[in-house]
C-alpha atoms as a PDB file:
ATOM      1  CA  MET A   1      -0.002   1.996 -17.470  1.00  0.00           C
ATOM      2  CA  LYS A   2      -1.598   5.215 -16.308  1.00  0.00           C
ATOM      3  CA  LEU A   3      -1.625   6.663 -12.765  1.00  0.00           C
ATOM      4  CA  ARG A   4      -4.420   8.980 -11.660  1.00  0.00           C
ATOM      5  CA  ARG A   5      -6.314  10.096  -8.575  1.00  0.00           C
ATOM      6  CA  ALA A   6      -9.009   7.673  -7.502  1.00  0.00           C
ATOM      7  CA  THR A   7     -12.640   8.673  -7.811  1.00  0.00           C
ATOM      8  CA  PRO A   8     -15.642   7.368  -5.869  1.00  0.00           C
ATOM      9  CA  GLU A   9     -16.454   5.241  -8.921  1.00  0.00           C
ATOM     10  CA  ASN A  10     -13.238   3.278  -8.272  1.00  0.00           C
ATOM     11  CA  ALA A  11     -14.328   2.132  -4.798  1.00  0.00           C
ATOM     12  CA  ILE A  12     -15.473  -1.333  -5.865  1.00  0.00           C
ATOM     13  CA  ALA A  13     -12.312  -2.045  -7.858  1.00  0.00           C
ATOM     14  CA  ILE A  14     -10.080  -0.782  -5.028  1.00  0.00           C
ATOM     15  CA  ALA A  15     -11.907  -2.873  -2.423  1.00  0.00           C
ATOM     16  CA  GLU A  16     -11.610  -5.982  -4.588  1.00  0.00           C
ATOM     17  CA  ILE A  17      -7.882  -5.404  -5.124  1.00  0.00           C
ATOM     18  CA  HIS A  18      -7.435  -4.882  -1.374  1.00  0.00           C
ATOM     19  CA  LEU A  19      -9.279  -8.069  -0.479  1.00  0.00           C
ATOM     20  CA  THR A  20      -7.803 -10.289  -3.195  1.00  0.00           C
ATOM     21  CA  ALA A  21      -4.208  -9.131  -2.791  1.00  0.00           C
ATOM     22  CA  ARG A  22      -4.305  -9.600   0.983  1.00  0.00           C
ATOM     23  CA  ARG A  23      -5.810 -13.086   0.687  1.00  0.00           C
ATOM     24  CA  GLU A  24      -3.270 -14.236  -1.877  1.00  0.00           C
ATOM     25  CA  ALA A  25      -0.152 -12.584  -0.419  1.00  0.00           C
ATOM     26  CA  MET A  26      -0.947 -13.213   3.244  1.00  0.00           C
ATOM     27  CA  PRO A  27      -3.137 -16.317   3.639  1.00  0.00           C
ATOM     28  CA  TRP A  28      -1.965 -16.523   7.269  1.00  0.00           C
ATOM     29  CA  LEU A  29      -3.354 -13.084   8.136  1.00  0.00           C
ATOM     30  CA  ALA A  30      -6.399 -12.931  10.404  1.00  0.00           C
ATOM     31  CA  VAL A  31      -9.475 -11.588   8.622  1.00  0.00           C
ATOM     32  CA  VAL A  32     -10.999  -8.988  10.926  1.00  0.00           C
ATOM     33  CA  HIS A  33     -13.448  -7.290   8.538  1.00  0.00           C
ATOM     34  CA  SER A  34     -16.043  -8.747   6.216  1.00  0.00           C
ATOM     35  CA  ASP A  35     -15.933  -8.036   2.496  1.00  0.00           C
ATOM     36  CA  ALA A  36     -18.942  -5.735   2.945  1.00  0.00           C
ATOM     37  CA  GLU A  37     -17.160  -3.791   5.712  1.00  0.00           C
ATOM     38  CA  THR A  38     -14.090  -3.413   3.501  1.00  0.00           C
ATOM     39  CA  HIS A  39     -16.209  -2.106   0.615  1.00  0.00           C
ATOM     40  CA  ALA A  40     -17.892   0.402   2.943  1.00  0.00           C
ATOM     41  CA  TRP A  41     -14.520   1.525   4.342  1.00  0.00           C
ATOM     42  CA  VAL A  42     -13.030   2.107   0.888  1.00  0.00           C
ATOM     43  CA  GLY A  43     -15.983   4.179  -0.327  1.00  0.00           C
ATOM     44  CA  GLY A  44     -16.762   5.965   2.925  1.00  0.00           C
ATOM     45  CA  VAL A  45     -13.366   6.488   4.537  1.00  0.00           C
ATOM     46  CA  LEU A  46     -10.369   5.625   2.374  1.00  0.00           C
ATOM     47  CA  ILE A  47     -11.190   7.573  -0.795  1.00  0.00           C
ATOM     48  CA  PRO A  48     -12.709  10.636   0.930  1.00  0.00           C
ATOM     49  CA  GLU A  49     -10.043  10.975   3.637  1.00  0.00           C
ATOM     50  CA  GLN A  50      -6.788   9.981   1.955  1.00  0.00           C
ATOM     51  CA  ASN A  51      -4.871  10.813  -1.204  1.00  0.00           C
ATOM     52  CA  VAL A  52      -5.673   7.664  -3.182  1.00  0.00           C
ATOM     53  CA  TRP A  53      -4.104   6.931  -6.552  1.00  0.00           C
ATOM     54  CA  VAL A  54      -4.894   4.098  -8.927  1.00  0.00           C
ATOM     55  CA  ALA A  55      -2.868   2.418 -11.628  1.00  0.00           C
ATOM     56  CA  GLU A  56      -4.768   1.494 -14.780  1.00  0.00           C
ATOM     57  CA  VAL A  57      -3.837  -0.855 -17.589  1.00  0.00           C
ATOM     58  CA  ASP A  58      -6.106  -0.690 -20.619  1.00  0.00           C
ATOM     59  CA  GLY A  59      -8.716   1.137 -18.543  1.00  0.00           C
ATOM     60  CA  VAL A  60      -8.755  -1.490 -15.769  1.00  0.00           C
ATOM     61  CA  VAL A  61      -7.725  -0.521 -12.231  1.00  0.00           C
ATOM     62  CA  VAL A  62      -4.905  -2.910 -11.314  1.00  0.00           C
ATOM     63  CA  GLY A  63      -3.441  -1.304  -8.198  1.00  0.00           C
ATOM     64  CA  TYR A  64      -3.813   1.505  -5.713  1.00  0.00           C
ATOM     65  CA  ALA A  65      -1.886   3.469  -3.127  1.00  0.00           C
ATOM     66  CA  ALA A  66      -3.319   5.514  -0.255  1.00  0.00           C
ATOM     67  CA  ILE A  67      -1.200   8.320   1.150  1.00  0.00           C
ATOM     68  CA  LYS A  68      -1.904  10.658   4.041  1.00  0.00           C
ATOM     69  CA  GLY A  69       0.802  13.178   4.794  1.00  0.00           C
ATOM     70  CA  ALA A  70       4.102  11.342   5.101  1.00  0.00           C
ATOM     71  CA  TRP A  71       2.396   7.945   5.479  1.00  0.00           C
ATOM     72  CA  LEU A  72       1.837   5.318   2.817  1.00  0.00           C
ATOM     73  CA  ASN A  73      -1.134   3.551   4.371  1.00  0.00           C
ATOM     74  CA  ASP A  74      -1.874   1.098   1.565  1.00  0.00           C
ATOM     75  CA  LEU A  75      -0.208  -0.162  -1.577  1.00  0.00           C
ATOM     76  CA  TYR A  76      -1.837  -3.150  -3.228  1.00  0.00           C
ATOM     77  CA  VAL A  77      -1.592  -4.599  -6.727  1.00  0.00           C
ATOM     78  CA  ARG A  78      -4.112  -6.969  -8.272  1.00  0.00           C
ATOM     79  CA  PRO A  79      -2.721 -10.521  -8.439  1.00  0.00           C
ATOM     80  CA  GLY A  80      -1.703 -11.199 -12.021  1.00  0.00           C
ATOM     81  CA  TYR A  81      -0.257  -7.691 -12.354  1.00  0.00           C
ATOM     82  CA  GLN A  82       2.343  -8.022  -9.612  1.00  0.00           C
ATOM     83  CA  GLY A  83       5.960  -7.962 -10.726  1.00  0.00           C
ATOM     84  CA  GLN A  84       5.138  -5.785 -13.752  1.00  0.00           C
ATOM     85  CA  GLY A  85       6.108  -2.384 -12.343  1.00  0.00           C
ATOM     86  CA  VAL A  86       2.675  -1.374 -11.036  1.00  0.00           C
ATOM     87  CA  GLY A  87       3.743  -1.295  -7.387  1.00  0.00           C
ATOM     88  CA  SER A  88       6.990   0.478  -8.267  1.00  0.00           C
ATOM     89  CA  ALA A  89       5.094   3.176 -10.172  1.00  0.00           C
ATOM     90  CA  LEU A  90       2.618   3.680  -7.338  1.00  0.00           C
ATOM     91  CA  LEU A  91       5.438   3.864  -4.788  1.00  0.00           C
ATOM     92  CA  ALA A  92       7.421   6.346  -6.916  1.00  0.00           C
ATOM     93  CA  ASN A  93       4.293   8.503  -7.115  1.00  0.00           C
ATOM     94  CA  ALA A  94       3.866   8.338  -3.318  1.00  0.00           C
ATOM     95  CA  MET A  95       7.496   9.389  -2.893  1.00  0.00           C
ATOM     96  CA  GLU A  96       6.881  12.384  -5.156  1.00  0.00           C
ATOM     97  CA  LEU A  97       3.794  13.316  -3.143  1.00  0.00           C
ATOM     98  CA  SER A  98       5.784  13.106   0.093  1.00  0.00           C
ATOM     99  CA  PRO A  99       9.209  14.182  -1.157  1.00  0.00           C
ATOM    100  CA  ALA A 100      11.047  14.560   2.159  1.00  0.00           C
ATOM    101  CA  GLU A 101      10.112  11.244   3.767  1.00  0.00           C
ATOM    102  CA  LEU A 102       7.615   8.417   3.636  1.00  0.00           C
ATOM    103  CA  ASN A 103       6.628   5.990   6.409  1.00  0.00           C
ATOM    104  CA  LEU A 104       4.691   2.741   6.284  1.00  0.00           C
ATOM    105  CA  TRP A 105       3.802  -0.385   8.205  1.00  0.00           C
ATOM    106  CA  THR A 106       3.869  -3.936   6.911  1.00  0.00           C
ATOM    107  CA  PHE A 107       3.664  -7.288   8.620  1.00  0.00           C
ATOM    108  CA  GLN A 108       6.919  -8.945   9.632  1.00  0.00           C
ATOM    109  CA  ARG A 109       5.913 -12.167   7.897  1.00  0.00           C
ATOM    110  CA  ASN A 110       5.240 -10.362   4.597  1.00  0.00           C
ATOM    111  CA  ALA A 111       8.671 -11.145   3.123  1.00  0.00           C
ATOM    112  CA  ASN A 112       7.749  -9.979  -0.392  1.00  0.00           C
ATOM    113  CA  ALA A 113       6.652  -6.549   0.826  1.00  0.00           C
ATOM    114  CA  ARG A 114       9.738  -6.234   3.013  1.00  0.00           C
ATOM    115  CA  ARG A 115      12.041  -6.989   0.064  1.00  0.00           C
ATOM    116  CA  PHE A 116      10.077  -4.582  -2.150  1.00  0.00           C
ATOM    117  CA  TYR A 117      10.464  -1.655   0.265  1.00  0.00           C
ATOM    118  CA  GLU A 118      14.035  -2.410   1.328  1.00  0.00           C
ATOM    119  CA  ARG A 119      15.183  -2.507  -2.316  1.00  0.00           C
ATOM    120  CA  ARG A 120      13.778   0.997  -2.710  1.00  0.00           C
ATOM    121  CA  GLY A 121      15.673   2.494   0.203  1.00  0.00           C
ATOM    122  CA  PHE A 122      13.251   2.036   3.104  1.00  0.00           C
ATOM    123  CA  ALA A 123      14.904   1.353   6.457  1.00  0.00           C
ATOM    124  CA  VAL A 124      13.504  -0.476   9.468  1.00  0.00           C
ATOM    125  CA  VAL A 125      12.513   1.929  12.232  1.00  0.00           C
ATOM    126  CA  GLU A 126      10.496  -0.239  14.599  1.00  0.00           C
ATOM    127  CA  LEU A 127       9.407  -3.831  15.154  1.00  0.00           C
ATOM    128  CA  THR A 128       6.296  -4.584  17.212  1.00  0.00           C
ATOM    129  CA  ASP A 129       4.512  -7.619  18.593  1.00  0.00           C
ATOM    130  CA  GLY A 130       1.317  -6.659  16.763  1.00  0.00           C
ATOM    131  CA  ALA A 131      -0.588  -5.450  19.809  1.00  0.00           C
ATOM    132  CA  GLY A 132      -1.264  -2.137  18.042  1.00  0.00           C
ATOM    133  CA  ASN A 133      -2.951  -3.511  14.923  1.00  0.00           C
ATOM    134  CA  GLU A 134      -6.326  -5.121  14.410  1.00  0.00           C
ATOM    135  CA  GLU A 135      -4.899  -8.400  13.165  1.00  0.00           C
ATOM    136  CA  ARG A 136      -2.617  -8.781  16.219  1.00  0.00           C
ATOM    137  CA  GLU A 137       0.173  -9.692  13.802  1.00  0.00           C
ATOM    138  CA  PRO A 138       3.780  -8.606  14.481  1.00  0.00           C
ATOM    139  CA  ASP A 139       4.553  -5.697  12.215  1.00  0.00           C
ATOM    140  CA  ILE A 140       7.377  -3.481  11.117  1.00  0.00           C
ATOM    141  CA  ARG A 141       7.580   0.244  10.479  1.00  0.00           C
ATOM    142  CA  TYR A 142       9.705   1.464   7.602  1.00  0.00           C
ATOM    143  CA  ARG A 143      10.877   4.945   6.748  1.00  0.00           C
ATOM    144  CA  TRP A 144      12.284   6.360   3.541  1.00  0.00           C
ATOM    145  CA  VAL A 145      14.142   9.661   3.662  1.00  0.00           C
ATOM    146  CA  ALA A 146      14.901  11.598   0.494  1.00  0.00           C
ATOM    147  CA  ALA A 147      18.357  12.518   1.792  1.00  0.00           C
ATOM    148  CA  ALA A 148      19.307   8.832   1.783  1.00  0.00           C
ATOM    149  CA  ARG A 149      18.219   8.527  -1.858  1.00  0.00           C
ATOM    150  CA  ASP A 150      20.077  11.673  -2.811  1.00  0.00           C
ATOM    151  CA  ALA A 151      23.257  10.388  -1.138  1.00  0.00           C
ATOM    152  CA  MET A 152      23.076   7.229  -3.279  1.00  0.00           C
ATOM    153  CA  THR A 153      23.003   9.174  -6.563  1.00  0.00           C
END
Protein backbone atom coordinates (compact mmCIF):
# COMPACT_ATOMS: atom_id res chain seq x y z
CA MET A 1 0.00 0.00 0.00
CA LYS A 2 1.20 3.47 -0.87
CA LEU A 3 -0.04 6.80 0.55
CA ARG A 4 0.26 9.99 -1.49
CA ARG A 5 -1.38 13.37 -1.97
CA ALA A 6 -4.48 13.25 -4.13
CA THR A 7 -4.42 14.87 -7.55
CA PRO A 8 -7.34 16.18 -9.61
CA GLU A 9 -7.11 12.97 -11.64
CA ASN A 10 -8.18 11.04 -8.51
CA ALA A 11 -11.52 12.88 -8.21
CA ILE A 12 -13.62 10.15 -9.83
CA ALA A 13 -12.09 7.37 -7.73
CA ILE A 14 -12.46 9.40 -4.52
CA ALA A 15 -16.10 10.24 -5.27
CA GLU A 16 -16.89 6.59 -5.98
CA ILE A 17 -15.23 5.48 -2.73
CA HIS A 18 -17.16 8.16 -0.83
CA LEU A 19 -20.49 7.13 -2.32
CA THR A 20 -19.99 3.36 -2.12
CA ALA A 21 -18.55 3.30 1.39
CA ARG A 22 -21.35 5.49 2.76
CA ARG A 23 -24.05 3.37 1.11
CA GLU A 24 -22.62 0.10 2.39
CA ALA A 25 -21.61 1.22 5.90
CA MET A 26 -24.62 3.44 6.57
CA PRO A 27 -27.65 2.25 4.58
CA TRP A 28 -29.86 4.13 7.07
CA LEU A 29 -28.26 7.49 6.28
CA ALA A 30 -30.35 10.04 4.38
CA VAL A 31 -28.96 10.75 0.91
CA VAL A 32 -28.93 14.52 0.52
CA HIS A 33 -26.74 14.88 -2.59
CA SER A 34 -26.93 13.17 -5.95
CA ASP A 35 -23.98 11.18 -7.27
CA ALA A 36 -23.33 13.99 -9.76
CA GLU A 37 -23.27 16.59 -6.95
CA THR A 38 -20.84 14.44 -4.98
CA HIS A 39 -18.54 14.11 -8.00
CA ALA A 40 -18.62 17.88 -8.53
CA TRP A 41 -17.90 18.52 -4.83
CA VAL A 42 -14.89 16.19 -4.79
CA GLY A 43 -13.32 17.73 -7.89
CA GLY A 44 -14.30 21.34 -7.26
CA VAL A 45 -14.15 21.70 -3.48
CA LEU A 46 -12.66 18.75 -1.61
CA ILE A 47 -9.40 18.26 -3.52
CA PRO A 48 -8.66 21.97 -4.11
CA GLU A 49 -9.52 23.15 -0.58
CA GLN A 50 -8.37 20.35 1.71
CA ASN A 51 -5.27 18.25 2.27
CA VAL A 52 -6.47 15.04 0.62
CA TRP A 53 -4.45 11.84 0.71
CA VAL A 54 -5.16 8.58 -1.06
CA ALA A 55 -4.15 5.02 -0.33
CA GLU A 56 -3.24 2.91 -3.35
CA VAL A 57 -2.91 -0.84 -3.70
CA ASP A 58 -1.38 -2.01 -6.96
CA GLY A 59 -2.03 1.42 -8.47
CA VAL A 60 -5.73 1.45 -7.53
CA VAL A 61 -7.06 4.12 -5.16
CA VAL A 62 -8.71 2.20 -2.31
CA GLY A 63 -9.20 4.89 0.32
CA TYR A 64 -8.86 8.57 1.07
CA ALA A 65 -8.64 11.01 3.94
CA ALA A 66 -9.35 14.75 3.84
CA ILE A 67 -7.71 16.94 6.46
CA LYS A 68 -8.05 20.66 7.04
CA GLY A 69 -6.06 22.04 9.94
CA ALA A 70 -6.80 19.96 13.01
CA TRP A 71 -9.91 18.40 11.44
CA LEU A 72 -10.24 15.02 9.77
CA ASN A 73 -13.23 15.76 7.57
CA ASP A 74 -13.38 12.46 5.69
CA LEU A 75 -11.87 9.01 5.93
CA TYR A 76 -13.36 6.39 3.66
CA VAL A 77 -12.10 3.02 2.45
CA ARG A 78 -13.42 1.16 -0.57
CA PRO A 79 -15.56 -1.82 0.49
CA GLY A 80 -13.49 -4.96 -0.01
CA TYR A 81 -10.39 -3.22 1.35
CA GLN A 82 -11.77 -2.46 4.79
CA GLY A 83 -10.14 -4.27 7.69
CA GLN A 84 -6.81 -4.51 5.84
CA GLY A 85 -5.02 -1.55 7.43
CA VAL A 86 -5.95 1.07 4.83
CA GLY A 87 -7.99 3.19 7.24
CA SER A 88 -5.36 2.82 9.96
CA ALA A 89 -2.63 4.01 7.59
CA LEU A 90 -4.69 6.99 6.45
CA LEU A 91 -5.52 7.91 10.04
CA ALA A 92 -1.87 7.60 11.14
CA ASN A 93 -0.93 9.93 8.28
CA ALA A 94 -3.60 12.44 9.37
CA MET A 95 -2.24 12.31 12.92
CA GLU A 96 1.25 13.07 11.60
CA LEU A 97 -0.12 16.00 9.59
CA SER A 98 -1.88 17.36 12.67
CA PRO A 99 0.53 16.21 15.38
CA ALA A 100 -0.89 18.07 18.38
CA GLU A 101 -4.56 17.14 18.01
CA LEU A 102 -7.13 15.89 15.54
CA ASN A 103 -10.91 16.35 15.61
CA LEU A 104 -13.65 14.64 13.64
CA TRP A 105 -17.38 14.03 13.44
CA THR A 106 -19.10 10.72 12.84
CA PHE A 107 -22.68 9.60 13.17
CA GLN A 108 -23.76 8.11 16.49
CA ARG A 109 -25.22 5.08 14.75
CA ASN A 110 -21.94 4.36 12.92
CA ALA A 111 -20.73 1.78 15.46
CA ASN A 112 -17.84 0.57 13.29
CA ALA A 113 -16.40 4.06 12.90
CA ARG A 114 -16.84 4.75 16.61
CA ARG A 115 -14.93 1.58 17.54
CA PHE A 116 -12.23 2.39 14.97
CA TYR A 117 -11.57 5.87 16.40
CA GLU A 118 -11.95 4.93 20.07
CA ARG A 119 -9.39 2.12 19.69
CA ARG A 120 -6.94 4.71 18.40
CA GLY A 121 -7.27 7.05 21.34
CA PHE A 122 -10.06 9.40 20.23
CA ALA A 123 -12.32 10.62 23.04
CA VAL A 124 -15.93 11.77 22.85
CA VAL A 125 -16.20 15.55 23.12
CA GLU A 126 -19.79 16.24 22.10
CA LEU A 127 -23.01 14.48 21.16
CA THR A 128 -25.63 16.28 19.07
CA ASP A 129 -29.15 15.66 17.84
CA GLY A 130 -28.04 16.11 14.23
CA ALA A 131 -29.59 19.54 13.72
CA GLY A 132 -26.21 20.86 12.55
CA ASN A 133 -25.60 18.40 9.72
CA GLU A 134 -27.25 18.01 6.35
CA GLU A 135 -28.48 14.49 7.03
CA ARG A 136 -30.18 15.52 10.31
CA GLU A 137 -28.61 12.44 11.89
CA PRO A 138 -27.39 12.51 15.52
CA ASP A 139 -23.64 12.78 15.47
CA ILE A 140 -20.64 12.70 17.73
CA ARG A 141 -17.48 14.78 17.83
CA TYR A 142 -14.23 13.06 18.71
CA ARG A 143 -10.87 14.53 19.60
CA TRP A 144 -7.44 12.96 19.70
CA VAL A 145 -4.67 14.73 21.60
CA ALA A 146 -1.04 13.74 21.15
CA ALA A 147 -0.38 14.15 24.87
CA ALA A 148 -2.82 11.31 25.58
CA ARG A 149 -0.96 9.05 23.14
CA ASP A 150 2.39 10.01 24.61
CA ALA A 151 1.14 9.23 28.14
CA MET A 152 0.19 5.71 26.99
CA THR A 153 3.70 4.92 25.73
